[in-house]
N, C-alpha and C. Protein backbone atom coordinates (compact mmCIF):
# COMPACT_ATOMS: atom_id res chain seq x y z
N VAL A 1 0.85 -1.19 0.00
CA VAL A 1 0.00 0.00 0.00
C VAL A 1 0.89 1.24 0.00
N GLN A 2 0.55 2.18 -0.85
CA GLN A 2 1.33 3.40 -0.94
C GLN A 2 0.41 4.59 -1.05
N LEU A 3 0.74 5.63 -0.28
CA LEU A 3 0.01 6.89 -0.33
C LEU A 3 0.99 7.98 -0.75
N VAL A 4 0.62 8.76 -1.75
CA VAL A 4 1.49 9.82 -2.23
C VAL A 4 0.72 11.13 -2.26
N GLU A 5 1.13 12.07 -1.39
CA GLU A 5 0.47 13.37 -1.33
C GLU A 5 1.06 14.33 -2.34
N SER A 6 0.25 15.27 -2.76
CA SER A 6 0.71 16.36 -3.63
C SER A 6 -0.22 17.55 -3.42
N GLY A 7 0.19 18.68 -3.97
CA GLY A 7 -0.66 19.86 -3.92
C GLY A 7 -0.27 20.89 -2.89
N GLY A 8 0.71 20.58 -2.06
CA GLY A 8 1.15 21.56 -1.09
C GLY A 8 1.91 22.69 -1.76
N GLY A 9 2.23 23.71 -0.97
CA GLY A 9 2.98 24.84 -1.50
C GLY A 9 2.86 26.04 -0.60
N SER A 10 3.28 27.17 -1.12
CA SER A 10 3.21 28.43 -0.39
C SER A 10 2.06 29.26 -0.90
N VAL A 11 1.31 29.83 0.02
CA VAL A 11 0.13 30.60 -0.35
C VAL A 11 -0.03 31.76 0.60
N GLN A 12 -0.66 32.82 0.13
CA GLN A 12 -0.90 33.98 0.99
C GLN A 12 -2.08 33.72 1.91
N VAL A 13 -2.12 34.46 2.99
CA VAL A 13 -3.25 34.40 3.92
C VAL A 13 -4.54 34.65 3.15
N GLY A 14 -5.53 33.80 3.41
CA GLY A 14 -6.80 33.90 2.72
C GLY A 14 -6.87 33.10 1.43
N GLY A 15 -5.75 32.53 1.02
CA GLY A 15 -5.72 31.76 -0.21
C GLY A 15 -6.23 30.35 -0.04
N SER A 16 -6.12 29.58 -1.11
CA SER A 16 -6.64 28.21 -1.13
C SER A 16 -5.62 27.24 -1.71
N LEU A 17 -5.73 26.01 -1.25
CA LEU A 17 -4.94 24.91 -1.81
C LEU A 17 -5.81 23.66 -1.80
N LYS A 18 -5.54 22.76 -2.72
CA LYS A 18 -6.22 21.48 -2.72
C LYS A 18 -5.16 20.38 -2.72
N LEU A 19 -5.12 19.64 -1.63
CA LEU A 19 -4.19 18.53 -1.50
C LEU A 19 -4.80 17.26 -2.08
N SER A 20 -3.95 16.45 -2.67
CA SER A 20 -4.38 15.15 -3.19
C SER A 20 -3.54 14.05 -2.57
N CYS A 21 -4.16 12.90 -2.42
CA CYS A 21 -3.47 11.73 -1.89
C CYS A 21 -3.80 10.57 -2.82
N ALA A 22 -2.84 10.18 -3.63
CA ALA A 22 -3.03 9.07 -4.55
C ALA A 22 -2.74 7.76 -3.83
N VAL A 23 -3.68 6.84 -3.93
CA VAL A 23 -3.61 5.59 -3.19
C VAL A 23 -3.36 4.44 -4.16
N SER A 24 -2.40 3.61 -3.85
CA SER A 24 -2.18 2.42 -4.65
C SER A 24 -2.07 1.21 -3.73
N GLY A 25 -2.58 0.09 -4.21
CA GLY A 25 -2.50 -1.13 -3.44
C GLY A 25 -3.46 -1.21 -2.28
N TYR A 26 -4.48 -0.36 -2.28
CA TYR A 26 -5.44 -0.32 -1.17
C TYR A 26 -6.82 -0.12 -1.75
N THR A 27 -7.77 -0.81 -1.22
CA THR A 27 -9.14 -0.67 -1.71
C THR A 27 -9.93 0.26 -0.80
N PHE A 28 -10.52 1.26 -1.41
CA PHE A 28 -11.40 2.15 -0.67
C PHE A 28 -12.63 1.35 -0.25
N SER A 29 -12.63 0.84 0.97
CA SER A 29 -13.79 0.03 1.33
C SER A 29 -14.20 0.16 2.79
N THR A 30 -13.25 0.17 3.67
CA THR A 30 -13.63 0.12 5.08
C THR A 30 -12.88 1.16 5.89
N TYR A 31 -13.28 1.33 7.07
CA TYR A 31 -12.66 2.22 8.03
C TYR A 31 -12.58 3.64 7.51
N CYS A 32 -11.56 4.37 7.91
CA CYS A 32 -11.46 5.78 7.58
C CYS A 32 -10.14 6.10 6.90
N MET A 33 -10.16 7.19 6.20
CA MET A 33 -8.94 7.84 5.76
C MET A 33 -8.95 9.24 6.36
N ALA A 34 -7.77 9.82 6.46
CA ALA A 34 -7.70 11.11 7.16
C ALA A 34 -6.52 11.93 6.67
N TRP A 35 -6.62 13.21 6.95
CA TRP A 35 -5.50 14.13 6.78
C TRP A 35 -5.08 14.58 8.18
N PHE A 36 -3.78 14.46 8.42
CA PHE A 36 -3.18 14.95 9.65
C PHE A 36 -2.19 16.04 9.28
N ARG A 37 -1.79 16.84 10.26
CA ARG A 37 -0.74 17.82 10.02
C ARG A 37 0.17 17.89 11.23
N GLN A 38 1.38 18.32 10.96
CA GLN A 38 2.38 18.36 12.03
C GLN A 38 3.32 19.52 11.81
N THR A 39 3.63 20.21 12.90
CA THR A 39 4.65 21.26 12.90
C THR A 39 5.78 20.80 13.80
N PRO A 40 6.97 21.35 13.59
CA PRO A 40 8.13 20.90 14.38
C PRO A 40 7.88 21.00 15.88
N GLY A 41 8.19 19.93 16.58
CA GLY A 41 8.06 19.91 18.03
C GLY A 41 6.68 19.61 18.55
N LYS A 42 5.73 19.40 17.64
CA LYS A 42 4.36 19.12 18.06
C LYS A 42 3.90 17.77 17.55
N GLN A 43 2.91 17.23 18.22
CA GLN A 43 2.35 15.95 17.79
C GLN A 43 1.54 16.13 16.51
N ARG A 44 1.48 15.07 15.73
CA ARG A 44 0.66 15.07 14.53
C ARG A 44 -0.82 15.12 14.95
N GLU A 45 -1.56 16.05 14.38
CA GLU A 45 -2.96 16.22 14.76
C GLU A 45 -3.88 15.97 13.57
N GLY A 46 -5.05 15.40 13.88
CA GLY A 46 -6.04 15.16 12.84
C GLY A 46 -6.69 16.45 12.40
N VAL A 47 -6.84 16.60 11.09
CA VAL A 47 -7.46 17.79 10.52
C VAL A 47 -8.84 17.44 9.96
N ALA A 48 -8.91 16.37 9.19
CA ALA A 48 -10.17 15.95 8.58
C ALA A 48 -10.12 14.45 8.35
N SER A 49 -11.26 13.81 8.52
CA SER A 49 -11.33 12.37 8.33
C SER A 49 -12.65 12.01 7.66
N ILE A 50 -12.61 10.93 6.89
CA ILE A 50 -13.80 10.48 6.20
C ILE A 50 -13.94 8.97 6.38
N HIS A 51 -15.16 8.55 6.73
CA HIS A 51 -15.46 7.12 6.82
C HIS A 51 -15.80 6.65 5.41
N ILE A 52 -15.00 5.76 4.90
CA ILE A 52 -15.08 5.42 3.49
C ILE A 52 -16.44 4.85 3.10
N ALA A 53 -16.97 3.94 3.89
CA ALA A 53 -18.22 3.26 3.51
C ALA A 53 -19.42 4.19 3.55
N SER A 54 -19.47 5.06 4.56
CA SER A 54 -20.65 5.90 4.72
C SER A 54 -20.51 7.29 4.14
N GLY A 55 -19.25 7.73 3.97
CA GLY A 55 -19.02 9.09 3.50
C GLY A 55 -19.09 10.13 4.60
N ARG A 56 -19.34 9.69 5.83
CA ARG A 56 -19.38 10.66 6.93
C ARG A 56 -18.01 11.29 7.11
N THR A 57 -18.02 12.56 7.51
CA THR A 57 -16.78 13.29 7.69
C THR A 57 -16.74 13.94 9.05
N THR A 58 -15.54 14.24 9.49
CA THR A 58 -15.36 15.01 10.71
C THR A 58 -14.15 15.91 10.53
N TYR A 59 -14.16 17.04 11.23
CA TYR A 59 -13.10 18.03 11.11
C TYR A 59 -12.68 18.51 12.48
N THR A 60 -11.42 18.87 12.59
CA THR A 60 -11.01 19.56 13.80
C THR A 60 -11.67 20.93 13.81
N ASP A 61 -11.86 21.50 14.97
CA ASP A 61 -12.61 22.75 15.08
C ASP A 61 -12.05 23.85 14.19
N SER A 62 -10.73 23.95 14.12
CA SER A 62 -10.12 25.05 13.35
C SER A 62 -10.32 24.88 11.85
N ALA A 63 -10.67 23.69 11.41
CA ALA A 63 -10.86 23.43 9.98
C ALA A 63 -12.31 23.53 9.54
N LYS A 64 -13.21 23.48 10.49
CA LYS A 64 -14.64 23.49 10.13
C LYS A 64 -15.00 24.76 9.37
N GLY A 65 -15.71 24.58 8.29
CA GLY A 65 -16.14 25.70 7.48
C GLY A 65 -15.11 26.19 6.48
N ARG A 66 -13.87 25.70 6.61
CA ARG A 66 -12.82 26.14 5.69
C ARG A 66 -12.26 24.99 4.86
N PHE A 67 -12.20 23.80 5.45
CA PHE A 67 -11.61 22.63 4.78
C PHE A 67 -12.71 21.64 4.40
N THR A 68 -12.48 20.93 3.30
CA THR A 68 -13.41 19.88 2.88
C THR A 68 -12.61 18.65 2.47
N ILE A 69 -12.92 17.52 3.10
CA ILE A 69 -12.29 16.26 2.73
C ILE A 69 -13.25 15.51 1.81
N SER A 70 -12.69 14.88 0.79
CA SER A 70 -13.51 14.11 -0.13
C SER A 70 -12.70 12.96 -0.70
N GLN A 71 -13.41 12.01 -1.28
CA GLN A 71 -12.77 10.84 -1.86
C GLN A 71 -13.31 10.61 -3.25
N ASP A 72 -12.47 10.10 -4.11
CA ASP A 72 -12.88 9.66 -5.43
C ASP A 72 -12.39 8.23 -5.57
N SER A 73 -13.27 7.29 -5.29
CA SER A 73 -12.86 5.88 -5.29
C SER A 73 -12.47 5.41 -6.68
N ALA A 74 -13.08 6.01 -7.71
CA ALA A 74 -12.74 5.61 -9.08
C ALA A 74 -11.30 5.98 -9.42
N LYS A 75 -10.86 7.10 -8.86
CA LYS A 75 -9.48 7.55 -9.10
C LYS A 75 -8.54 7.14 -7.98
N ASN A 76 -9.09 6.44 -6.97
CA ASN A 76 -8.26 6.05 -5.81
C ASN A 76 -7.52 7.25 -5.23
N THR A 77 -8.26 8.31 -5.01
CA THR A 77 -7.63 9.54 -4.55
C THR A 77 -8.46 10.17 -3.43
N LEU A 78 -7.75 10.65 -2.43
CA LEU A 78 -8.34 11.40 -1.33
C LEU A 78 -7.93 12.85 -1.50
N TYR A 79 -8.84 13.77 -1.20
CA TYR A 79 -8.56 15.19 -1.36
C TYR A 79 -8.78 15.94 -0.05
N LEU A 80 -8.12 17.08 0.05
CA LEU A 80 -8.40 18.04 1.11
C LEU A 80 -8.37 19.42 0.48
N GLU A 81 -9.54 19.99 0.36
CA GLU A 81 -9.64 21.35 -0.16
C GLU A 81 -9.60 22.32 1.01
N MET A 82 -8.67 23.26 0.93
CA MET A 82 -8.46 24.20 2.04
C MET A 82 -8.67 25.62 1.55
N ASN A 83 -9.58 26.32 2.17
CA ASN A 83 -9.90 27.69 1.80
C ASN A 83 -9.64 28.63 2.98
N ASN A 84 -9.53 29.91 2.68
CA ASN A 84 -9.31 30.92 3.71
C ASN A 84 -8.17 30.51 4.64
N LEU A 85 -7.05 30.17 4.05
CA LEU A 85 -5.93 29.66 4.82
C LEU A 85 -5.34 30.73 5.73
N LYS A 86 -4.88 30.27 6.89
CA LYS A 86 -4.32 31.14 7.91
C LYS A 86 -2.89 30.73 8.21
N PRO A 87 -2.09 31.62 8.76
CA PRO A 87 -0.70 31.26 9.08
C PRO A 87 -0.62 30.01 9.98
N GLU A 88 -1.58 29.86 10.87
CA GLU A 88 -1.56 28.70 11.77
C GLU A 88 -1.86 27.37 11.05
N ASP A 89 -2.23 27.44 9.77
CA ASP A 89 -2.41 26.21 8.99
C ASP A 89 -1.08 25.71 8.43
N THR A 90 -0.03 26.50 8.58
CA THR A 90 1.28 26.09 8.10
C THR A 90 1.72 24.82 8.81
N ALA A 91 2.03 23.79 8.03
CA ALA A 91 2.41 22.50 8.60
C ALA A 91 2.74 21.54 7.46
N MET A 92 3.29 20.39 7.85
CA MET A 92 3.40 19.27 6.93
C MET A 92 2.10 18.49 7.02
N TYR A 93 1.48 18.24 5.90
CA TYR A 93 0.21 17.54 5.87
C TYR A 93 0.42 16.11 5.38
N PHE A 94 -0.16 15.17 6.13
CA PHE A 94 -0.01 13.76 5.85
C PHE A 94 -1.37 13.12 5.58
N CYS A 95 -1.38 12.24 4.61
CA CYS A 95 -2.53 11.41 4.33
C CYS A 95 -2.35 10.08 5.07
N ALA A 96 -3.45 9.54 5.58
CA ALA A 96 -3.38 8.27 6.31
C ALA A 96 -4.57 7.40 5.94
N ALA A 97 -4.35 6.09 5.93
CA ALA A 97 -5.41 5.16 5.53
C ALA A 97 -5.53 4.01 6.52
N ASP A 98 -6.71 3.42 6.49
CA ASP A 98 -6.97 2.19 7.25
C ASP A 98 -6.91 2.42 8.75
N GLY A 99 -7.59 3.46 9.18
CA GLY A 99 -7.61 3.78 10.60
C GLY A 99 -9.00 4.18 11.04
N TRP A 100 -9.05 4.89 12.17
CA TRP A 100 -10.36 5.26 12.72
C TRP A 100 -10.35 6.71 13.15
N TRP A 101 -11.07 7.53 12.36
CA TRP A 101 -11.26 8.94 12.64
C TRP A 101 -9.91 9.61 12.98
N PHE A 102 -9.76 10.24 14.14
CA PHE A 102 -8.53 10.95 14.47
C PHE A 102 -7.63 10.17 15.43
N GLU A 103 -7.87 8.86 15.53
CA GLU A 103 -7.01 8.06 16.40
C GLU A 103 -5.71 7.77 15.66
N ARG A 104 -4.73 8.59 15.90
CA ARG A 104 -3.48 8.54 15.14
C ARG A 104 -2.85 7.15 15.14
N SER A 105 -2.83 6.52 16.29
CA SER A 105 -2.17 5.20 16.40
C SER A 105 -2.92 4.10 15.66
N SER A 106 -4.17 4.35 15.26
CA SER A 106 -4.94 3.32 14.58
C SER A 106 -4.62 3.22 13.09
N TYR A 107 -3.94 4.22 12.56
CA TYR A 107 -3.67 4.25 11.13
C TYR A 107 -2.44 3.42 10.79
N ASN A 108 -2.62 2.55 9.81
CA ASN A 108 -1.55 1.61 9.44
C ASN A 108 -0.69 2.09 8.28
N VAL A 109 -1.22 3.04 7.51
CA VAL A 109 -0.50 3.47 6.32
C VAL A 109 -0.45 4.99 6.28
N TRP A 110 0.72 5.52 6.00
CA TRP A 110 0.93 6.97 5.95
C TRP A 110 1.66 7.35 4.67
N GLY A 111 1.34 8.54 4.19
CA GLY A 111 2.12 9.11 3.10
C GLY A 111 3.35 9.81 3.64
N GLN A 112 4.13 10.37 2.71
CA GLN A 112 5.38 11.02 3.10
C GLN A 112 5.20 12.48 3.49
N GLY A 113 4.04 13.04 3.19
CA GLY A 113 3.73 14.40 3.58
C GLY A 113 3.94 15.41 2.47
N THR A 114 3.20 16.50 2.56
CA THR A 114 3.36 17.63 1.65
C THR A 114 3.28 18.91 2.47
N GLN A 115 4.20 19.82 2.23
CA GLN A 115 4.32 21.03 3.05
C GLN A 115 3.35 22.10 2.58
N VAL A 116 2.67 22.70 3.54
CA VAL A 116 1.80 23.84 3.28
C VAL A 116 2.34 25.01 4.10
N THR A 117 2.60 26.12 3.44
CA THR A 117 3.10 27.32 4.12
C THR A 117 2.20 28.49 3.79
N VAL A 118 1.68 29.14 4.81
CA VAL A 118 0.76 30.27 4.65
C VAL A 118 1.40 31.50 5.27
N SER A 119 1.56 32.55 4.45
CA SER A 119 2.19 33.75 5.00
C SER A 119 1.61 35.00 4.36
């Protein structure tokens, strides 16, 4: 199983980015996929998660109303659309699969991360 993130970059405050996570060797079928983010010296935190079978989603409070997680099972891709970006959104963003909501230790597969910088 391999997860490859893309779409990160540098953006001005108030701007938008759409992250993609290309999935190979894994079937979109059960449990959850999620986006986490991490800054130096801090624990990796859940930003958005989606239950694959039901499509239910959840967001951390700071992401609600600004971020949207979605999946395209035909393309085997997970997305995170981020709008109205703030400096505090600056972090390395990671895609994760085969876990449960924001329980970091439950995820078995992680991507290598993509950097988002907001200034």
